[in-house]
Amino acid sequence: MPIQKLKTILFGLAGFLSVPLTQAAEVQRPNLIVVLADDMGVTDIGAFHELYPGCPEEQLAHRYTPNLDRLAEQGIRCTRAYAAAWCAPSRQMLLSGQWVNRRNAYDHPWIGSQLRQEGYVTGLVGKSHGGRPIAKTYRNMDPKTAEFDDGFFFNGGCRRSYLEKGETFPGRRGLVPFTFTAKGGEYLTDAYNDHAVEFIERNAGRPFMLYLPYNAPHGPLDGKPEDLRKLFPEVFAEASDEDIISGPLMVRKNARDRTNKLAAMHFAAMVYRMDLGIGRIMKALEEQERRRRRISRSCSTCACRNHTVRVDRAGRGIIAIRSLRSRRRQPRHPRWKP
């Protein structure tokens, strides 16, 4: 695939190449990491919350996004970016580079397959939603047409964040399947983070694209007990894990309720745990000691998501994307560092 075609696909796919294409052409085979958060709003990040006064006092998540805030501080916050009205269409548009109402969206290679043709190793760690997208991203293991070489897959809409003993998730490395079996008590966001960091470390020195679509902070709202105790000790300091996971401090509504303080705390803890994972990913890239130039950016899809992008000549990159359901403004912040 010619590099000019690749540049066009990336521009239409995520809308993140706000720097001149002449600069993008200087980047040699950058690594790409796309982090997609589900059901997250534009003001749920500290760097964007301050741009929109009048947010509900119950909103708490923006206080606990240090890694995303750091990227925003070092970049440009784009305040006129918008997303689709629902998460599944946004996922499809992100990977295909086409509007969701295009009937032929499944009839051509998506970004993973096209990057594989250019010598990239591609990985999907996280959520895939919808019959046809799952068929294209997960079930297709044909070496000639597969979208992702590696993966750790949750194929569904939503679920609780705690894993039960014996629960299994499908995965693969180099198109060779494996099964992840939970020991019980693992936290899903952490499982995604572990597999994402392992993918980065295993492919050090190779051009790669990692797509990391979290479930968080989509409901059911399941903050991790240790995070809730740290962030809100006045409520959770003396609470047991059982009280938080299945007892009186559990959020029993699936939908997000901004007027419910307990729900807001769980939501904030889920965002905090995801932000910690993004910090781990950034550290894993930094430890490779291959960065010479980088572009960083934050953005949203699905109704408000945040992207964080890094690209450099040595082949390092990050794109983080977050979401909320409804056609609303989304945050983006590009960064270029010579």
Foldseek 3Di string as FASTA:
>chain_A
DDVVVLVVLQCLQPVFPPDDVVVVVLADLAAEEEAEAEADAALLALLRVVVDPDDDPLADQNVQQVLLNVLQVQFPKDWFDKAAQADQQSVLCNFQSDHSPDPCSLVDATSQLVVVVVFAAEEEEEEHEDDSRCCQAPVDLDSNRHSHQWYWYDYYQADAQWDAAQDWTWIHHRSHIDIDGDRGGDGNLVVSLVVLLVVCVVQQPGHYYYYYYYHPPQDPQQAQLVLLCVPPVVPRVPPDRCCCPPNDLGDPDRDQDSVDSSSSSSRSRRSNSNSVSVVSVVVSLVVSVQADKWKWKWKEYQGEWIWTWITGNSHYIYIYYYYRRGTYIYIMTIHIDD
